[in-house]
Amino acid sequence: MSSHMRDRSGSHRGTNQVAVRSHNERLILSLARQFGSLTKPQAVRETGLSINAIAVIFRALEEEGFLIRGEPVRGKVGQPTVPVRLNPEARRYFGLKIGRRSTDLVLVDFTGQLLGSQTIEHRFPDPDHVFGFATEAMERILCETGLSKENIHGFATAMPSEIWSWSSELGIPQTEMDRWRSLDVTDSLNALVPWDVTVVNDATAACQGELTFCGDGKTRDILYLFIGTMIGGGLVLNGSVFQGRSGRAGGLGPLRVARPGGSTSRLLDQASLFVLEKRLRAGGITPVSPGRSDFWRNHPDLTGPWLQDASAALTQTILSSLSLIDFEVVIIDGSIPPQIRSIIVDQTRAEFVLQDLQGLVLPEFRAGQLGPLARAVGAAATSLNAQYGIDQSAL
């Protein structure tokens, strides 16, 4: 091990060995993403690498178009420092989200900025319709942005791991959803696009998107919850998304939570949007997309109680999760307007502090920043991280 390497308690680590040059380059890109701009002295402090090693990496990444030089910072002792930042045009990625009620396609640049998006809503996802939308939406986005397929560097798909499950709860014919059970989504999409397609769990992808494009780079352990048609979640452990052996780690929907009166039910039966949808339909109301503010504003007599039920169920889920892993931060996002997301976060936090917290450390509660497109953006982030992210357990 290089004498320049130092232990930063599992945070940023680097080495001067040629054999892991790729890791060191990924590390610098990660730091530039975290800080927005990065100087060589700053990189030396964060990684423990020598100034010569940092200079070589900076030069290589600049020459390859990943980093852009900023204006020199003067006024300090010695030579002015020249910060670098990520080049947004270095890479671009498509992210597709296949959901039970809607499908999204997004294109993001290397910094996570949204370059284009297309969305369709449906009662249930028909494979032919979904794949047709994906190819047409891709062409529309490319046309609108003036880009070609040669300018795109990855394509990933986020979808529920068992999209055919819970059809009865959603009022979807099981025969329609069973088409997905025998379908190889990866092969189907590989036949339509020129990139190798990766398929990931939708809530895990949303978690990855939040961590990659909105993370502070300091928080190591996060419990992530996404309120969609069916609620899901993700885990960040030691600064990286933990997928588990099946890719479904953090899928908290089946977790049992208490109901008023002493009975129990699954978290998904209290904090999923399909529950609110069913209540609206029972009241003779045809619900619009939950991402629209009028969905919530027009029927407070039904949306208000659901918000209370969801917050209470989320509180129990978070409490149980903290008993297992000492999460620093809890992030709640969803296919909901920002103001509704803030209400859920505030209500859940207020409910949580009233619980018996002996033996637990109170986490910080945050609202997610990606909203309804989080899963599609997260799919794109999955491609980016596979190519240029760092694996905290790699070295």
Protein backbone atom coordinates (compact mmCIF):
# COMPACT_ATOMS: atom_id res chain seq x y z
CA MET A 1 0.00 0.00 0.00
CA SER A 2 1.28 3.45 -0.91
CA SER A 3 2.70 5.53 1.91
CA HIS A 4 0.63 8.42 0.59
CA MET A 5 -2.59 6.61 1.35
CA ARG A 6 -4.35 7.39 4.61
CA ASP A 7 -7.42 6.08 6.37
CA ARG A 8 -10.36 8.47 6.35
CA SER A 9 -12.75 6.15 8.17
CA GLY A 10 -14.29 4.74 5.03
CA SER A 11 -14.70 8.13 3.35
CA HIS A 12 -12.62 9.16 0.31
CA ARG A 13 -9.57 6.96 -0.16
CA GLY A 14 -6.94 6.99 -2.85
CA THR A 15 -3.76 5.24 -3.84
CA ASN A 16 -0.83 6.06 -6.09
CA GLN A 17 -0.58 2.53 -7.48
CA VAL A 18 -0.88 2.40 -11.26
CA ALA A 19 -3.05 -0.72 -11.01
CA VAL A 20 -5.94 1.32 -9.61
CA ARG A 21 -5.63 4.44 -11.73
CA SER A 22 -9.26 4.02 -12.76
CA HIS A 23 -10.36 4.12 -9.13
CA ASN A 24 -8.40 7.30 -8.48
CA GLU A 25 -9.88 8.99 -11.53
CA ARG A 26 -13.38 8.01 -10.40
CA LEU A 27 -12.53 9.37 -6.97
CA ILE A 28 -11.58 12.77 -8.40
CA LEU A 29 -14.75 12.88 -10.49
CA SER A 30 -16.78 12.04 -7.38
CA LEU A 31 -15.11 14.86 -5.42
CA ALA A 32 -15.72 17.33 -8.24
CA ARG A 33 -19.38 16.28 -8.22
CA GLN A 34 -19.59 16.65 -4.44
CA PHE A 35 -17.92 20.07 -4.14
CA GLY A 36 -19.01 21.59 -7.42
CA SER A 37 -15.43 22.68 -8.12
CA LEU A 38 -12.15 21.18 -6.99
CA THR A 39 -8.57 22.41 -6.69
CA LYS A 40 -5.43 20.28 -6.59
CA PRO A 41 -4.60 21.18 -2.94
CA GLN A 42 -8.19 20.32 -1.99
CA ALA A 43 -7.95 16.98 -3.80
CA VAL A 44 -4.68 16.21 -1.98
CA ARG A 45 -6.35 16.89 1.39
CA GLU A 46 -9.41 14.78 0.58
CA THR A 47 -7.62 11.75 -0.87
CA GLY A 48 -4.17 11.64 0.67
CA LEU A 49 -2.67 11.27 -2.80
CA SER A 50 0.55 13.10 -3.67
CA ILE A 51 0.36 16.42 -5.50
CA ASN A 52 2.13 14.79 -8.46
CA ALA A 53 -0.44 12.00 -8.65
CA ILE A 54 -3.27 14.55 -8.47
CA ALA A 55 -1.68 16.63 -11.23
CA VAL A 56 -1.46 13.59 -13.51
CA ILE A 57 -5.10 12.65 -12.87
CA PHE A 58 -6.35 16.23 -13.38
CA ARG A 59 -4.47 16.48 -16.67
CA ALA A 60 -5.79 13.14 -17.95
CA LEU A 61 -9.40 13.97 -17.05
CA GLU A 62 -9.14 17.38 -18.66
CA GLU A 63 -7.68 15.93 -21.86
CA GLU A 64 -10.46 13.34 -22.00
CA GLY A 65 -13.11 16.05 -21.59
CA PHE A 66 -14.42 15.12 -18.14
CA LEU A 67 -13.16 18.23 -16.33
CA ILE A 68 -13.21 21.90 -17.27
CA ARG A 69 -10.84 24.49 -15.86
CA GLY A 70 -12.29 27.50 -14.07
CA GLU A 71 -10.83 30.94 -13.47
CA PRO A 72 -7.67 31.08 -11.31
CA VAL A 73 -8.28 31.95 -7.65
CA ARG A 74 -5.83 34.69 -6.67
CA GLY A 75 -5.08 36.63 -3.54
CA LYS A 76 -3.40 33.89 -1.53
CA VAL A 77 0.25 33.16 -0.89
CA GLY A 78 2.03 31.46 -3.81
CA GLN A 79 0.70 30.62 -7.23
CA PRO A 80 -3.04 31.05 -7.88
CA THR A 81 -5.06 27.85 -7.70
CA VAL A 82 -7.12 26.75 -10.68
CA PRO A 83 -10.34 24.91 -9.80
CA VAL A 84 -11.87 22.34 -12.11
CA ARG A 85 -15.48 21.26 -12.44
CA LEU A 86 -17.36 18.50 -14.22
CA ASN A 87 -18.01 19.02 -17.90
CA PRO A 88 -21.80 18.59 -18.31
CA GLU A 89 -21.32 17.49 -21.91
CA ALA A 90 -18.82 14.76 -21.08
CA ARG A 91 -21.51 12.08 -20.93
CA ARG A 92 -25.29 11.81 -21.37
CA TYR A 93 -27.62 9.03 -20.26
CA PHE A 94 -31.16 7.89 -20.91
CA GLY A 95 -33.22 6.68 -17.97
CA LEU A 96 -36.50 4.82 -18.44
CA LYS A 97 -38.99 4.22 -15.64
CA ILE A 98 -41.69 1.61 -16.22
CA GLY A 99 -44.40 2.01 -13.59
CA ARG A 100 -47.79 0.58 -12.86
CA ARG A 101 -49.56 3.88 -13.59
CA SER A 102 -47.05 5.78 -15.74
CA THR A 103 -43.86 5.47 -17.77
CA ASP A 104 -41.14 8.13 -18.04
CA LEU A 105 -38.09 8.59 -20.23
CA VAL A 106 -35.47 11.19 -19.34
CA LEU A 107 -32.12 12.31 -20.71
CA VAL A 108 -29.60 13.76 -18.27
CA ASP A 109 -26.10 15.13 -18.67
CA PHE A 110 -22.98 14.28 -16.66
CA THR A 111 -23.99 16.64 -13.84
CA GLY A 112 -27.55 15.33 -13.60
CA GLN A 113 -29.22 18.24 -15.37
CA LEU A 114 -32.41 17.23 -17.14
CA LEU A 115 -32.03 17.68 -20.90
CA GLY A 116 -35.41 16.27 -21.87
CA SER A 117 -38.27 14.12 -20.63
CA GLN A 118 -41.41 12.39 -21.87
CA THR A 119 -44.21 10.81 -19.80
CA ILE A 120 -47.31 8.73 -20.49
CA GLU A 121 -49.97 7.70 -17.98
CA HIS A 122 -51.85 4.41 -18.22
CA ARG A 123 -54.25 2.28 -16.22
CA PHE A 124 -51.70 -0.51 -16.45
CA PRO A 125 -48.42 -0.94 -18.37
CA ASP A 126 -48.91 -2.87 -21.59
CA PRO A 127 -45.48 -4.09 -22.78
CA ASP A 128 -46.06 -3.24 -26.44
CA HIS A 129 -47.31 0.22 -25.53
CA VAL A 130 -44.44 0.83 -23.12
CA PHE A 131 -41.70 -0.23 -25.53
CA GLY A 132 -43.33 1.73 -28.35
CA PHE A 133 -43.41 4.80 -26.14
CA ALA A 134 -39.76 4.32 -25.17
CA THR A 135 -38.52 4.29 -28.76
CA GLU A 136 -40.74 7.19 -29.86
CA ALA A 137 -39.88 9.28 -26.78
CA MET A 138 -36.18 8.65 -27.33
CA GLU A 139 -36.39 9.96 -30.88
CA ARG A 140 -38.39 13.01 -29.77
CA ILE A 141 -35.87 13.89 -27.08
CA LEU A 142 -32.94 13.46 -29.45
CA CYS A 143 -34.68 15.67 -31.99
CA GLU A 144 -35.51 18.35 -29.41
CA THR A 145 -31.96 18.44 -28.05
CA GLY A 146 -30.24 18.22 -31.41
CA LEU A 147 -28.29 15.18 -30.26
CA SER A 148 -27.68 11.85 -31.96
CA LYS A 149 -27.42 8.36 -30.52
CA GLU A 150 -23.63 8.66 -30.80
CA ASN A 151 -23.84 11.43 -28.15
CA ILE A 152 -25.49 9.07 -25.63
CA HIS A 153 -23.42 6.84 -23.36
CA GLY A 154 -25.90 4.63 -21.56
CA PHE A 155 -29.50 3.47 -21.15
CA ALA A 156 -30.93 1.98 -17.97
CA THR A 157 -34.43 1.04 -16.88
CA ALA A 158 -36.03 1.28 -13.45
CA MET A 159 -39.14 -0.75 -12.70
CA PRO A 160 -40.75 -2.66 -9.82
CA SER A 161 -38.98 -5.97 -9.28
CA GLU A 162 -42.31 -7.81 -9.53
CA ILE A 163 -44.41 -5.41 -11.55
CA TRP A 164 -47.05 -8.13 -11.95
CA SER A 165 -47.65 -8.35 -8.18
CA TRP A 166 -50.43 -6.60 -6.24
CA SER A 167 -52.63 -6.36 -9.33
CA SER A 168 -55.82 -6.92 -7.33
CA GLU A 169 -55.02 -3.98 -5.05
CA LEU A 170 -54.68 -1.77 -8.10
CA GLY A 171 -57.74 -3.08 -9.92
CA ILE A 172 -55.62 -4.36 -12.82
CA PRO A 173 -56.46 -7.64 -14.62
CA GLN A 174 -53.87 -10.20 -13.52
CA THR A 175 -53.79 -11.66 -17.03
CA GLU A 176 -52.55 -8.32 -18.37
CA MET A 177 -49.80 -8.02 -15.78
CA ASP A 178 -48.72 -11.65 -16.16
CA ARG A 179 -47.33 -10.73 -19.56
CA TRP A 180 -44.44 -9.10 -17.69
CA ARG A 181 -43.77 -12.24 -15.68
CA SER A 182 -42.43 -14.17 -18.66
CA LEU A 183 -40.91 -11.17 -20.46
CA ASP A 184 -37.17 -10.48 -20.49
CA VAL A 185 -37.19 -6.69 -20.32
CA THR A 186 -33.44 -6.43 -20.83
CA ASP A 187 -33.54 -8.44 -24.06
CA SER A 188 -36.62 -6.60 -25.29
CA LEU A 189 -35.00 -3.20 -24.84
CA ASN A 190 -31.62 -4.35 -26.15
CA ALA A 191 -33.40 -5.13 -29.41
CA LEU A 192 -34.65 -1.52 -29.60
CA VAL A 193 -31.66 0.60 -28.56
CA PRO A 194 -27.94 0.50 -29.43
CA TRP A 195 -26.72 0.46 -25.82
CA ASP A 196 -26.45 -2.40 -23.34
CA VAL A 197 -29.51 -1.97 -21.14
CA THR A 198 -29.44 -2.41 -17.37
CA VAL A 199 -32.65 -3.03 -15.40
CA VAL A 200 -32.81 -2.05 -11.73
CA ASN A 201 -35.46 -1.84 -9.02
CA ASP A 202 -37.32 1.45 -9.32
CA ALA A 203 -37.05 2.62 -5.70
CA THR A 204 -33.39 1.59 -5.55
CA ALA A 205 -32.81 3.65 -8.70
CA ALA A 206 -34.53 6.66 -7.14
CA CYS A 207 -32.25 6.29 -4.12
CA GLN A 208 -29.23 6.19 -6.44
CA GLY A 209 -30.37 9.32 -8.23
CA GLU A 210 -30.78 11.23 -4.98
CA LEU A 211 -27.36 10.12 -3.76
CA THR A 212 -25.56 10.84 -7.04
CA PHE A 213 -27.07 14.16 -8.04
CA CYS A 214 -28.34 15.62 -4.74
CA GLY A 215 -26.10 14.09 -2.04
CA ASP A 216 -23.80 16.12 0.17
CA GLY A 217 -20.97 13.59 -0.08
CA LYS A 218 -20.70 13.45 3.71
CA THR A 219 -23.71 11.45 4.89
CA ARG A 220 -22.77 7.78 5.03
CA ASP A 221 -25.98 5.96 6.00
CA ILE A 222 -29.41 6.92 4.64
CA LEU A 223 -32.89 5.43 4.76
CA TYR A 224 -34.70 6.45 1.58
CA LEU A 225 -38.47 6.18 1.09
CA PHE A 226 -40.31 6.82 -2.17
CA ILE A 227 -44.09 7.23 -2.18
CA GLY A 228 -45.38 6.02 -5.52
CA THR A 229 -48.35 3.94 -6.63
CA MET A 230 -46.75 1.38 -4.31
CA ILE A 231 -44.36 2.71 -1.68
CA GLY A 232 -40.77 1.51 -1.88
CA GLY A 233 -37.38 2.43 -0.54
CA GLY A 234 -33.63 2.16 -0.70
CA LEU A 235 -30.60 1.98 1.56
CA VAL A 236 -27.35 3.92 1.51
CA LEU A 237 -24.65 2.25 3.61
CA ASN A 238 -21.14 3.65 3.95
CA GLY A 239 -21.84 6.19 1.21
CA SER A 240 -23.02 3.71 -1.45
CA VAL A 241 -26.43 2.36 -2.41
CA PHE A 242 -26.82 -1.15 -1.01
CA GLN A 243 -28.90 -3.32 -3.33
CA GLY A 244 -28.72 -6.65 -1.52
CA ARG A 245 -28.53 -10.08 -3.14
CA SER A 246 -31.72 -9.59 -5.19
CA GLY A 247 -31.45 -5.86 -5.83
CA ARG A 248 -34.45 -5.12 -3.60
CA ALA A 249 -32.82 -4.02 -0.33
CA GLY A 250 -34.92 -1.35 1.33
CA GLY A 251 -38.16 -2.54 -0.24
CA LEU A 252 -40.17 -1.73 2.86
CA GLY A 253 -43.68 -2.04 1.42
CA PRO A 254 -44.46 -5.47 3.00
CA LEU A 255 -43.29 -4.35 6.48
CA ARG A 256 -46.06 -4.73 9.08
CA VAL A 257 -47.18 -1.56 10.83
CA ALA A 258 -49.91 -0.96 13.39
CA ARG A 259 -53.29 0.47 12.53
CA PRO A 260 -55.63 2.37 14.85
CA GLY A 261 -57.42 -0.15 17.02
CA GLY A 262 -54.52 -2.54 17.39
CA SER A 263 -54.58 -4.47 14.13
CA THR A 264 -51.67 -4.46 11.71
CA SER A 265 -51.27 -4.09 7.97
CA ARG A 266 -48.49 -3.67 5.45
CA LEU A 267 -46.83 -0.31 5.01
CA LEU A 268 -47.91 -0.38 1.36
CA ASP A 269 -51.57 -0.57 2.48
CA GLN A 270 -51.28 2.75 4.32
CA ALA A 271 -48.63 4.87 2.61
CA SER A 272 -49.06 4.04 -1.09
CA LEU A 273 -50.82 6.34 -3.53
CA PHE A 274 -53.11 3.56 -4.74
CA VAL A 275 -54.76 3.65 -1.30
CA LEU A 276 -55.68 7.30 -1.78
CA GLU A 277 -56.76 6.56 -5.34
CA LYS A 278 -59.17 3.89 -4.06
CA ARG A 279 -60.60 6.28 -1.47
CA LEU A 280 -61.24 8.89 -4.13
CA ARG A 281 -62.92 6.39 -6.44
CA ALA A 282 -65.08 5.15 -3.55
CA GLY A 283 -66.22 8.75 -3.15
CA GLY A 284 -67.23 8.93 -6.78
CA ILE A 285 -64.15 10.94 -7.79
CA THR A 286 -61.97 10.12 -10.77
CA PRO A 287 -58.44 10.90 -9.57
CA VAL A 288 -55.98 12.81 -11.72
CA SER A 289 -52.22 12.36 -11.53
CA PRO A 290 -51.00 12.65 -7.91
CA GLY A 291 -48.14 14.80 -9.21
CA ARG A 292 -50.63 17.62 -9.85
CA SER A 293 -51.43 20.05 -7.06
CA ASP A 294 -55.19 20.02 -7.78
CA PHE A 295 -55.22 16.29 -6.98
CA TRP A 296 -54.58 17.30 -3.37
CA ARG A 297 -56.22 20.72 -3.24
CA ASN A 298 -59.69 19.77 -4.49
CA HIS A 299 -60.50 17.02 -1.97
CA PRO A 300 -58.89 17.82 1.41
CA ASP A 301 -61.51 15.71 3.22
CA LEU A 302 -59.95 12.62 1.61
CA THR A 303 -56.33 13.63 1.08
CA GLY A 304 -55.92 14.99 4.62
CA PRO A 305 -56.72 11.69 6.41
CA TRP A 306 -54.50 9.78 3.98
CA LEU A 307 -51.60 12.12 4.75
CA GLN A 308 -52.10 11.44 8.48
CA ASP A 309 -52.27 7.66 7.95
CA ALA A 310 -49.21 7.67 5.71
CA SER A 311 -47.16 9.74 8.15
CA ALA A 312 -48.10 7.46 11.06
CA ALA A 313 -47.13 4.36 9.07
CA LEU A 314 -43.86 5.95 7.93
CA THR A 315 -43.04 6.81 11.53
CA GLN A 316 -43.33 3.16 12.59
CA THR A 317 -41.30 2.03 9.60
CA ILE A 318 -38.49 4.47 10.35
CA LEU A 319 -38.51 3.51 14.01
CA SER A 320 -38.16 -0.18 13.13
CA SER A 321 -35.43 0.55 10.59
CA LEU A 322 -33.41 2.58 13.09
CA SER A 323 -33.51 -0.35 15.48
CA LEU A 324 -31.52 -2.31 12.91
CA ILE A 325 -29.25 0.33 11.29
CA ASP A 326 -28.16 3.63 12.79
CA PHE A 327 -29.20 5.84 9.87
CA GLU A 328 -28.00 9.44 9.96
CA VAL A 329 -30.63 10.74 7.57
CA VAL A 330 -34.12 9.77 6.44
CA ILE A 331 -35.13 11.03 2.99
CA ILE A 332 -38.75 10.97 1.83
CA ASP A 333 -39.67 11.61 -1.80
CA GLY A 334 -42.48 10.59 -4.10
CA SER A 335 -44.65 11.13 -7.14
CA ILE A 336 -46.21 14.09 -5.40
CA PRO A 337 -45.93 17.91 -5.55
CA PRO A 338 -43.15 19.54 -3.48
CA GLN A 339 -45.58 21.09 -1.01
CA ILE A 340 -47.21 17.71 -0.28
CA ARG A 341 -43.78 16.10 0.12
CA SER A 342 -42.89 18.79 2.67
CA ILE A 343 -46.13 18.16 4.58
CA ILE A 344 -45.40 14.43 4.79
CA VAL A 345 -41.82 15.04 5.95
CA ASP A 346 -42.94 17.55 8.59
CA GLN A 347 -45.80 15.37 9.85
CA THR A 348 -43.60 12.29 10.00
CA ARG A 349 -40.87 14.15 11.87
CA ALA A 350 -43.41 15.57 14.35
CA GLU A 351 -44.92 12.11 14.90
CA PHE A 352 -41.50 10.49 15.22
CA VAL A 353 -40.22 12.70 18.06
CA LEU A 354 -43.26 11.69 20.13
CA GLN A 355 -42.21 8.02 20.10
CA ASP A 356 -40.15 6.21 22.71
CA LEU A 357 -36.67 6.85 21.31
CA GLN A 358 -34.64 5.41 24.17
CA GLY A 359 -31.60 3.63 22.74
CA LEU A 360 -31.94 5.37 19.38
CA VAL A 361 -30.30 8.47 17.90
CA LEU A 362 -32.69 10.92 16.25
CA PRO A 363 -31.96 11.07 12.48
CA GLU A 364 -32.25 14.13 10.30
CA PHE A 365 -35.38 14.21 8.14
CA ARG A 366 -35.05 15.55 4.60
CA ALA A 367 -37.32 15.92 1.59
CA GLY A 368 -36.04 14.31 -1.59
CA GLN A 369 -35.21 16.64 -4.45
CA LEU A 370 -36.06 14.69 -7.60
CA GLY A 371 -39.81 14.16 -7.20
CA PRO A 372 -41.92 12.25 -9.75
CA LEU A 373 -39.00 11.74 -12.16
CA ALA A 374 -36.69 10.36 -9.44
CA ARG A 375 -36.87 6.77 -10.66
CA ALA A 376 -36.11 7.61 -14.30
CA VAL A 377 -33.33 10.03 -13.30
CA GLY A 378 -32.07 7.36 -10.94
CA ALA A 379 -31.94 4.85 -13.78
CA ALA A 380 -29.67 7.25 -15.67
CA ALA A 381 -27.58 7.69 -12.52
CA THR A 382 -27.20 3.91 -12.34
CA SER A 383 -25.51 3.91 -15.76
CA LEU A 384 -23.30 6.83 -14.82
CA ASN A 385 -22.21 5.20 -11.57
CA ALA A 386 -21.45 1.89 -13.25
CA GLN A 387 -19.02 3.71 -15.53
CA TYR A 388 -17.63 6.48 -13.32
CA GLY A 389 -18.84 6.04 -9.74
CA ILE A 390 -16.75 4.73 -6.86
CA ASP A 391 -17.39 1.55 -4.92
CA GLN A 392 -16.65 2.30 -1.28
CA SER A 393 -15.75 -1.33 -0.66
CA ALA A 394 -13.43 -1.65 -3.66
CA LEU A 395 -10.17 -0.73 -1.91
